[in-house]
C-alpha atoms as a PDB file:
ATOM      1  CA  MET A   1    -109.122  26.528  46.944  1.00  0.00           C
ATOM      2  CA  ASP A   2    -109.048  27.599  43.332  1.00  0.00           C
ATOM      3  CA  PRO A   3    -105.826  26.717  41.451  1.00  0.00           C
ATOM      4  CA  SER A   4    -105.272  30.336  40.438  1.00  0.00           C
ATOM      5  CA  GLU A   5    -105.564  31.363  44.099  1.00  0.00           C
ATOM      6  CA  TRP A   6    -102.935  28.973  45.456  1.00  0.00           C
ATOM      7  CA  ARG A   7    -100.587  29.745  42.565  1.00  0.00           C
ATOM      8  CA  LYS A   8    -100.961  33.450  43.360  1.00  0.00           C
ATOM      9  CA  ILE A   9    -100.231  32.847  47.066  1.00  0.00           C
ATOM     10  CA  LEU A  10     -97.053  30.966  46.130  1.00  0.00           C
ATOM     11  CA  GLY A  11     -96.077  33.596  43.549  1.00  0.00           C
ATOM     12  CA  LEU A  12     -96.000  31.192  40.621  1.00  0.00           C
ATOM     13  CA  LYS A  13     -95.913  33.384  37.526  1.00  0.00           C
ATOM     14  CA  MET A  14     -94.502  32.920  34.076  1.00  0.00           C
ATOM     15  CA  SER A  15     -91.222  34.767  33.641  1.00  0.00           C
ATOM     16  CA  LYS A  16     -90.632  37.056  30.682  1.00  0.00           C
ATOM     17  CA  GLU A  17     -88.260  34.449  29.293  1.00  0.00           C
ATOM     18  CA  ASP A  18     -90.959  31.751  29.523  1.00  0.00           C
ATOM     19  CA  ARG A  19     -93.526  33.969  27.774  1.00  0.00           C
ATOM     20  CA  LYS A  20     -91.055  34.818  24.995  1.00  0.00           C
ATOM     21  CA  ASN A  21     -90.238  31.125  24.561  1.00  0.00           C
ATOM     22  CA  ASN A  22     -93.953  30.249  24.325  1.00  0.00           C
ATOM     23  CA  ALA A  23     -94.473  32.975  21.713  1.00  0.00           C
ATOM     24  CA  LYS A  24     -91.590  31.585  19.639  1.00  0.00           C
ATOM     25  CA  VAL A  25     -92.975  28.045  19.927  1.00  0.00           C
ATOM     26  CA  ASN A  26     -96.425  29.229  18.809  1.00  0.00           C
ATOM     27  CA  LYS A  27     -94.898  31.089  15.864  1.00  0.00           C
ATOM     28  CA  ALA A  28     -92.874  28.015  14.868  1.00  0.00           C
ATOM     29  CA  ASN A  29     -96.023  25.879  14.992  1.00  0.00           C
ATOM     30  CA  ARG A  30     -97.906  28.328  12.755  1.00  0.00           C
ATOM     31  CA  GLU A  31     -95.044  28.354  10.255  1.00  0.00           C
ATOM     32  CA  GLY A  32     -94.715  24.570  10.284  1.00  0.00           C
ATOM     33  CA  LYS A  33     -91.187  24.514  11.702  1.00  0.00           C
ATOM     34  CA  SER A  34     -89.979  22.163  14.393  1.00  0.00           C
ATOM     35  CA  LYS A  35     -88.885  23.309  17.836  1.00  0.00           C
ATOM     36  CA  LYS A  36     -85.690  21.311  17.459  1.00  0.00           C
ATOM     37  CA  GLU A  37     -84.510  23.126  14.342  1.00  0.00           C
ATOM     38  CA  LEU A  38     -85.143  26.501  16.013  1.00  0.00           C
ATOM     39  CA  GLY A  39     -83.486  25.480  19.289  1.00  0.00           C
ATOM     40  CA  LEU A  40     -86.614  25.911  21.400  1.00  0.00           C
ATOM     41  CA  ARG A  41     -87.423  23.853  24.476  1.00  0.00           C
ATOM     42  CA  GLY A  42     -91.211  23.658  24.136  1.00  0.00           C
ATOM     43  CA  ARG A  43     -94.127  25.403  25.813  1.00  0.00           C
ATOM     44  CA  VAL A  44     -93.855  26.257  29.500  1.00  0.00           C
ATOM     45  CA  THR A  45     -97.148  25.814  31.365  1.00  0.00           C
ATOM     46  CA  VAL A  46     -98.429  26.366  34.899  1.00  0.00           C
ATOM     47  CA  LYS A  47     -97.741  22.671  35.529  1.00  0.00           C
ATOM     48  CA  HIS A  48     -94.051  23.327  34.896  1.00  0.00           C
ATOM     49  CA  LEU A  49     -94.143  26.203  37.381  1.00  0.00           C
ATOM     50  CA  SER A  50     -95.749  23.976  40.004  1.00  0.00           C
ATOM     51  CA  ILE A  51     -93.182  21.228  39.493  1.00  0.00           C
ATOM     52  CA  ASN A  52     -90.298  23.698  39.641  1.00  0.00           C
ATOM     53  CA  PHE A  53     -91.664  25.074  42.934  1.00  0.00           C
ATOM     54  CA  SER A  54     -92.027  21.620  44.504  1.00  0.00           C
ATOM     55  CA  ASN A  55     -88.597  20.505  43.359  1.00  0.00           C
ATOM     56  CA  SER A  56     -86.754  23.615  44.509  1.00  0.00           C
ATOM     57  CA  PHE A  57     -88.621  24.323  47.757  1.00  0.00           C
ATOM     58  CA  TYR A  58     -88.833  20.745  49.034  1.00  0.00           C
ATOM     59  CA  GLY A  59     -85.771  19.268  47.313  1.00  0.00           C
ATOM     60  CA  LEU A  60     -87.783  16.756  45.323  1.00  0.00           C
ATOM     61  CA  ASN A  61     -87.127  15.285  41.903  1.00  0.00           C
ATOM     62  CA  LEU A  62     -90.601  15.318  40.337  1.00  0.00           C
ATOM     63  CA  LYS A  63     -91.085  14.941  36.594  1.00  0.00           C
ATOM     64  CA  ILE A  64     -93.795  16.391  34.348  1.00  0.00           C
ATOM     65  CA  LYS A  65     -95.803  13.171  34.665  1.00  0.00           C
ATOM     66  CA  ASP A  66     -95.943  13.840  38.454  1.00  0.00           C
ATOM     67  CA  ASN A  67     -97.845  17.094  37.998  1.00  0.00           C
ATOM     68  CA  ASN A  68    -100.808  15.988  40.150  1.00  0.00           C
ATOM     69  CA  GLN A  69     -98.534  15.335  43.133  1.00  0.00           C
ATOM     70  CA  SER A  70     -96.853  18.668  42.560  1.00  0.00           C
ATOM     71  CA  ASP A  71    -100.208  20.457  42.464  1.00  0.00           C
ATOM     72  CA  ALA A  72    -101.212  18.792  45.740  1.00  0.00           C
ATOM     73  CA  ILE A  73     -97.945  19.936  47.344  1.00  0.00           C
ATOM     74  CA  GLY A  74     -98.512  23.474  46.075  1.00  0.00           C
ATOM     75  CA  LEU A  75    -102.098  23.520  47.295  1.00  0.00           C
ATOM     76  CA  ALA A  76    -101.081  22.326  50.755  1.00  0.00           C
ATOM     77  CA  SER A  77     -98.226  24.853  50.919  1.00  0.00           C
ATOM     78  CA  ALA A  78    -100.553  27.724  49.989  1.00  0.00           C
ATOM     79  CA  TRP A  79    -103.146  26.579  52.520  1.00  0.00           C
ATOM     80  CA  ILE A  80    -100.494  26.574  55.273  1.00  0.00           C
ATOM     81  CA  ILE A  81     -99.283  30.056  54.286  1.00  0.00           C
ATOM     82  CA  LYS A  82    -102.835  31.425  54.096  1.00  0.00           C
ATOM     83  CA  ASN A  83    -103.901  30.013  57.463  1.00  0.00           C
ATOM     84  CA  LYS A  84    -100.859  30.980  59.522  1.00  0.00           C
END
């Protein structure tokens, strides 16, 4: 299953807040400013969305470095939903 397909099945989309934050981070990078001085938290990616899903839905405590496990959990969850 394609990653975009299982993310769509699970409804993993970037929120407006996440997109605005990413735009501010990109602008800060272009202007040579640090995220810290602007009070930004860094770019939010699809890996973050996957980890947030796994942690909230299954009550786990996965970190960013555990993104492969989180993707596997998301893939399996989408497969179960799709094949009900």
